[in-house]
């Protein structure tokens, strides 16, 4: 989940460079391989194969992360982030389908649930490509970069008209993840929420470790674990484990904003628990 950027100092930049490599070649040697359980979905498997073979796409993720972490002191927006978001998104979609929710590409175009998985996986992988250009309005920049890459990738998987539809659905999901986005599809709502759920232990702690003590960094550091499972009253239940009540800010302010308007509010239940004796007297459980 994105937070307010801080001004990085020389030590922060040097530490980030040491962690991720300095040259393009060094960074590529630490390449993150994209994978997701394909569950006998040949189209999803083919798409991931094409993604992993695309050096240009990986270079864009590297550039996005340099802008985010090394230049702005923000959280990860690179290959690790998009891989996590992709896996969360695909899992969310499958839980929703198991709970009787029909993907929009099935409802509107008669495509298959396999195609819906391609939509959410692709949108998750490409939603932050615009960070390679600038943080400001990066969601819009992501559109024309993703448009270019999708024209290359989808042509190997779909006939021309179907490729155009799937591409449009992916681009819609990308733009809908912005803070004021308004998803019109199940798939777009899934990507919007999946992006917000990359908050488990260690994932949002770069600004905190670098010295930022804002409510954004403190609350992010308090999130220990995120469990996504079948719900009791709704198709999806999110269980958030926190080490400190500051984590409530992530849920009540930031996650609530992503959930609102996603179109999936009625399908998701959330509960959060505080671990630690000192915190139990103040706060034990939070629900959305």
Protein backbone atom coordinates (compact mmCIF):
# COMPACT_ATOMS: atom_id res chain seq x y z
CA UNK A 1 0.00 0.00 0.00
CA UNK A 2 1.46 3.35 -0.98
CA UNK A 3 2.23 5.96 1.66
CA UNK A 4 3.42 9.55 1.85
CA UNK A 5 6.94 9.83 0.39
CA UNK A 6 9.80 11.21 2.46
CA UNK A 7 13.01 12.87 1.37
CA UNK A 8 15.70 10.16 1.23
CA UNK A 9 19.15 10.91 2.64
CA UNK A 10 22.47 9.68 1.32
CA UNK A 11 22.57 6.73 3.73
CA UNK A 12 19.12 5.56 2.69
CA UNK A 13 20.02 5.73 -1.00
CA UNK A 14 23.32 3.92 -0.44
CA UNK A 15 21.61 1.19 1.58
CA UNK A 16 18.98 0.69 -1.10
CA UNK A 17 21.62 0.50 -3.81
CA UNK A 18 23.52 -2.10 -1.81
CA UNK A 19 20.41 -4.20 -1.32
CA UNK A 20 19.22 -4.15 -4.92
CA UNK A 21 22.47 -3.77 -6.85
CA UNK A 22 23.87 -0.73 -8.60
CA UNK A 23 24.18 -1.55 -12.30
CA UNK A 24 21.47 -2.85 -14.59
CA UNK A 25 23.41 -6.10 -14.92
CA UNK A 26 23.66 -6.52 -11.14
CA UNK A 27 19.98 -5.88 -10.72
CA UNK A 28 19.09 -8.34 -13.48
CA UNK A 29 21.20 -11.02 -11.79
CA UNK A 30 18.80 -10.75 -8.82
CA UNK A 31 15.85 -11.25 -11.12
CA UNK A 32 12.59 -12.26 -9.47
CA UNK A 33 10.84 -15.05 -11.34
CA UNK A 34 7.08 -14.59 -11.61
CA UNK A 35 4.96 -17.60 -10.71
CA UNK A 36 1.43 -18.33 -9.59
CA UNK A 37 -0.51 -21.57 -9.14
CA UNK A 38 -2.07 -21.96 -12.58
CA UNK A 39 -4.54 -24.75 -11.62
CA UNK A 40 -4.59 -26.22 -15.11
CA UNK A 41 -5.15 -22.80 -16.69
CA UNK A 42 -3.04 -23.00 -19.88
CA UNK A 43 -3.63 -19.35 -20.78
CA UNK A 44 -2.42 -18.12 -17.39
CA UNK A 45 0.59 -20.44 -17.63
CA UNK A 46 1.40 -19.15 -21.12
CA UNK A 47 1.09 -15.53 -20.00
CA UNK A 48 3.49 -16.04 -17.09
CA UNK A 49 5.97 -17.75 -19.43
CA UNK A 50 5.85 -14.76 -21.78
CA UNK A 51 6.28 -12.34 -18.86
CA UNK A 52 9.34 -14.17 -17.52
CA UNK A 53 10.96 -14.10 -20.97
CA UNK A 54 10.47 -10.32 -21.36
CA UNK A 55 13.61 -8.39 -20.34
CA UNK A 56 12.04 -5.04 -21.22
CA UNK A 57 9.16 -5.60 -18.83
CA UNK A 58 11.57 -6.54 -16.06
CA UNK A 59 13.62 -3.43 -16.77
CA UNK A 60 10.49 -1.33 -16.30
CA UNK A 61 9.90 -2.93 -12.89
CA UNK A 62 13.48 -2.12 -11.93
CA UNK A 63 13.05 1.51 -12.99
CA UNK A 64 9.79 1.75 -11.04
CA UNK A 65 11.49 0.48 -7.91
CA UNK A 66 14.44 2.85 -8.22
CA UNK A 67 12.03 5.79 -8.34
CA UNK A 68 9.96 4.43 -5.46
CA UNK A 69 12.59 3.24 -2.99
CA UNK A 70 15.89 4.89 -3.86
CA UNK A 71 14.64 8.31 -4.97
CA UNK A 72 11.44 8.80 -2.97
CA UNK A 73 12.01 6.63 0.12
CA UNK A 74 8.68 4.88 -0.46
CA UNK A 75 7.63 1.25 -0.20
CA UNK A 76 8.45 -1.42 -2.77
CA UNK A 77 6.75 -0.91 -6.16
CA UNK A 78 8.94 -3.32 -8.14
CA UNK A 79 8.99 -7.00 -9.10
CA UNK A 80 8.52 -8.37 -5.58
CA UNK A 81 5.49 -6.13 -5.00
CA UNK A 82 3.77 -6.99 -8.27
CA UNK A 83 4.43 -10.71 -7.79
CA UNK A 84 2.80 -10.60 -4.35
CA UNK A 85 -0.14 -8.56 -5.64
CA UNK A 86 -0.62 -10.99 -8.55
CA UNK A 87 -0.78 -14.00 -6.23
CA UNK A 88 -3.16 -12.23 -3.86
CA UNK A 89 -5.37 -11.15 -6.77
CA UNK A 90 -5.62 -14.61 -8.28
CA UNK A 91 -6.40 -16.11 -4.86
CA UNK A 92 -9.08 -13.50 -4.19
CA UNK A 93 -10.67 -14.11 -7.59
CA UNK A 94 -10.77 -17.88 -7.05
CA UNK A 95 -12.36 -17.48 -3.60
CA UNK A 96 -14.98 -15.14 -5.05
CA UNK A 97 -15.75 -17.58 -7.87
CA UNK A 98 -16.02 -20.44 -5.36
CA UNK A 99 -18.46 -18.25 -3.43
CA UNK A 100 -20.69 -17.79 -6.46
CA UNK A 101 -19.38 -14.47 -7.79
CA UNK A 102 -19.14 -14.43 -11.59
CA UNK A 103 -16.23 -12.56 -13.21
CA UNK A 104 -17.22 -9.67 -15.44
CA UNK A 105 -15.54 -11.08 -18.56
CA UNK A 106 -17.81 -14.10 -18.19
CA UNK A 107 -20.93 -12.01 -17.60
CA UNK A 108 -20.32 -9.44 -20.34
CA UNK A 109 -18.37 -11.34 -22.99
CA UNK A 110 -19.00 -15.03 -22.44
CA UNK A 111 -15.31 -15.63 -21.82
CA UNK A 112 -14.09 -18.20 -19.29
CA UNK A 113 -12.96 -17.91 -15.68
CA UNK A 114 -9.49 -18.79 -17.02
CA UNK A 115 -9.57 -15.51 -18.95
CA UNK A 116 -10.58 -13.61 -15.81
CA UNK A 117 -7.47 -15.01 -14.12
CA UNK A 118 -5.35 -13.69 -16.98
CA UNK A 119 -6.95 -10.27 -16.56
CA UNK A 120 -6.23 -9.99 -12.84
CA UNK A 121 -2.74 -11.47 -13.13
CA UNK A 122 -1.76 -9.13 -15.96
CA UNK A 123 -3.25 -6.04 -14.30
CA UNK A 124 -1.52 -6.87 -11.03
CA UNK A 125 1.83 -7.27 -12.77
CA UNK A 126 1.49 -4.03 -14.73
CA UNK A 127 -0.43 -1.72 -12.39
CA UNK A 128 2.66 0.21 -11.23
CA UNK A 129 4.65 0.35 -14.49
CA UNK A 130 4.04 4.10 -14.59
CA UNK A 131 6.27 4.49 -11.53
CA UNK A 132 9.14 4.00 -13.96
CA UNK A 133 8.28 7.50 -15.25
CA UNK A 134 7.08 9.33 -12.14
CA UNK A 135 5.12 8.84 -8.95
CA UNK A 136 2.69 11.62 -9.83
CA UNK A 137 -0.17 10.23 -11.91
CA UNK A 138 1.68 6.92 -12.26
CA UNK A 139 -1.59 5.01 -12.73
CA UNK A 140 -2.25 6.89 -15.97
CA UNK A 141 1.33 6.43 -17.17
CA UNK A 142 0.93 2.72 -16.50
CA UNK A 143 -1.82 2.59 -19.11
CA UNK A 144 0.20 3.49 -22.17
CA UNK A 145 3.18 1.36 -21.10
CA UNK A 146 0.92 -1.63 -20.42
CA UNK A 147 -0.94 -1.06 -23.69
CA UNK A 148 2.33 -1.46 -25.56
CA UNK A 149 3.35 -4.62 -23.71
CA UNK A 150 -0.09 -6.23 -23.86
CA UNK A 151 -0.25 -5.81 -27.63
CA UNK A 152 2.91 -7.91 -27.81
CA UNK A 153 1.92 -10.56 -25.26
CA UNK A 154 -1.78 -11.20 -25.85
CA UNK A 155 -1.45 -11.69 -29.61
CA UNK A 156 0.18 -15.03 -28.83
CA UNK A 157 -2.81 -16.13 -26.75
CA UNK A 158 -5.99 -14.73 -28.35
CA UNK A 159 -7.59 -13.92 -31.66
CA UNK A 160 -7.48 -10.20 -32.48
CA UNK A 161 -10.94 -9.21 -31.23
CA UNK A 162 -10.67 -11.25 -28.03
CA UNK A 163 -7.19 -9.84 -27.41
CA UNK A 164 -8.61 -6.30 -27.69
CA UNK A 165 -11.33 -7.10 -25.12
CA UNK A 166 -8.93 -8.74 -22.67
CA UNK A 167 -6.49 -5.85 -23.08
CA UNK A 168 -9.23 -3.32 -22.35
CA UNK A 169 -10.27 -5.23 -19.23
CA UNK A 170 -6.68 -5.27 -17.99
CA UNK A 171 -6.21 -1.54 -18.61
CA UNK A 172 -9.48 -0.81 -16.80
CA UNK A 173 -8.23 -2.76 -13.77
CA UNK A 174 -4.95 -0.85 -13.85
CA UNK A 175 -6.49 2.62 -13.82
CA UNK A 176 -9.07 1.60 -11.22
CA UNK A 177 -6.43 0.93 -8.57
CA UNK A 178 -5.82 4.66 -8.06
CA UNK A 179 -7.15 6.13 -4.81
CA UNK A 180 -10.18 7.70 -6.50
CA UNK A 181 -10.64 4.86 -8.97
CA UNK A 182 -14.09 3.42 -9.65
CA UNK A 183 -13.87 -0.23 -10.72
CA UNK A 184 -16.66 -1.30 -13.04
CA UNK A 185 -15.70 -4.98 -13.05
CA UNK A 186 -15.13 -7.74 -10.52
CA UNK A 187 -11.61 -8.16 -11.84
CA UNK A 188 -10.74 -4.49 -11.36
CA UNK A 189 -12.10 -4.56 -7.82
CA UNK A 190 -9.95 -7.61 -7.09
CA UNK A 191 -6.76 -5.89 -8.29
CA UNK A 192 -7.57 -2.74 -6.33
CA UNK A 193 -7.94 -4.73 -3.10
CA UNK A 194 -4.98 -7.02 -3.79
CA UNK A 195 -2.71 -3.99 -4.16
CA UNK A 196 -3.79 -2.77 -0.72
CA UNK A 197 -3.14 -6.17 0.89
CA UNK A 198 0.60 -6.23 0.24
CA UNK A 199 1.17 -5.20 3.84
CA UNK A 200 2.43 -8.32 5.64
CA UNK A 201 5.47 -8.28 7.93
CA UNK A 202 8.49 -6.58 6.42
CA UNK A 203 6.74 -5.46 3.24
CA UNK A 204 6.08 -1.83 4.20
CA UNK A 205 8.98 -1.17 6.53
CA UNK A 206 11.56 0.54 4.32
CA UNK A 207 10.54 4.10 5.26
CA UNK A 208 10.25 3.10 8.95
CA UNK A 209 13.71 1.52 8.95
CA UNK A 210 15.11 4.63 7.26
CA UNK A 211 13.88 6.84 10.08
CA UNK A 212 10.37 7.91 9.10
CA UNK A 213 8.04 8.02 12.12
CA UNK A 214 4.86 9.19 10.40
CA UNK A 215 1.58 7.40 11.04
CA UNK A 216 2.02 5.80 7.60
CA UNK A 217 5.33 4.15 8.44
CA UNK A 218 4.41 3.30 12.04
CA UNK A 219 1.11 1.68 11.09
CA UNK A 220 2.70 -0.26 8.22
CA UNK A 221 5.38 -1.62 10.57
CA UNK A 222 2.64 -2.93 12.90
CA UNK A 223 1.16 -5.37 10.36
CA UNK A 224 2.56 -8.84 11.01
CA UNK A 225 0.56 -11.15 8.75
CA UNK A 226 -2.31 -11.20 6.27
CA UNK A 227 -4.36 -14.38 5.87
CA UNK A 228 -6.77 -14.69 2.94
CA UNK A 229 -9.30 -17.50 3.24
CA UNK A 230 -12.88 -18.53 2.60
CA UNK A 231 -15.27 -16.49 4.68
CA UNK A 232 -18.00 -17.59 7.06
CA UNK A 233 -20.73 -15.17 6.04
CA UNK A 234 -19.09 -13.89 2.85
CA UNK A 235 -16.97 -15.54 0.14
CA UNK A 236 -13.70 -14.01 1.41
CA UNK A 237 -12.35 -13.44 4.90
CA UNK A 238 -9.24 -11.35 5.56
CA UNK A 239 -7.51 -11.94 8.88
CA UNK A 240 -4.92 -9.32 9.79
CA UNK A 241 -2.46 -9.92 12.62
CA UNK A 242 -0.90 -6.81 14.18
CA UNK A 243 1.80 -6.25 16.77
CA UNK A 244 0.57 -2.78 17.70
CA UNK A 245 -2.70 -0.85 17.57
CA UNK A 246 -1.08 1.65 15.18
CA UNK A 247 -1.84 -0.89 12.46
CA UNK A 248 -5.50 0.08 12.70
CA UNK A 249 -4.66 3.16 10.61
CA UNK A 250 -3.69 0.90 7.70
CA UNK A 251 -7.08 -0.78 7.88
CA UNK A 252 -9.50 1.93 8.96
CA UNK A 253 -8.07 4.68 6.76
CA UNK A 254 -6.06 3.19 3.89
CA UNK A 255 -7.59 -0.25 3.30
CA UNK A 256 -11.13 1.00 3.90
CA UNK A 257 -10.54 3.57 1.13
CA UNK A 258 -9.50 0.82 -1.30
CA UNK A 259 -12.41 -1.42 -0.37
CA UNK A 260 -14.96 1.40 -0.69
CA UNK A 261 -16.15 1.64 -4.26
CA UNK A 262 -14.38 -1.58 -5.27
CA UNK A 263 -17.73 -3.24 -5.94
CA UNK A 264 -16.68 -6.11 -3.68
CA UNK A 265 -17.70 -4.66 -0.32
CA UNK A 266 -20.51 -7.18 0.14
CA UNK A 267 -18.22 -10.15 -0.56
CA UNK A 268 -15.38 -9.49 1.89
CA UNK A 269 -15.22 -9.64 5.67
CA UNK A 270 -12.20 -8.38 7.59
CA UNK A 271 -11.05 -8.93 11.13
CA UNK A 272 -7.82 -7.85 12.78
CA UNK A 273 -6.22 -9.02 16.00
CA UNK A 274 -3.58 -7.41 18.19
CA UNK A 275 -0.84 -9.65 19.59
CA UNK A 276 0.98 -8.66 22.77
CA UNK A 277 -0.06 -8.32 26.38
CA UNK A 278 0.42 -4.56 26.58
CA UNK A 279 -1.85 -3.93 23.63
CA UNK A 280 -4.65 -6.23 24.75
CA UNK A 281 -5.79 -3.79 27.41
CA UNK A 282 -6.21 -1.07 24.80
CA UNK A 283 -7.49 -2.99 21.80
CA UNK A 284 -8.02 -6.61 20.87
CA UNK A 285 -10.10 -6.90 17.72
CA UNK A 286 -11.10 -4.73 14.79
CA UNK A 287 -13.66 -5.54 12.10
CA UNK A 288 -14.71 -3.93 8.84
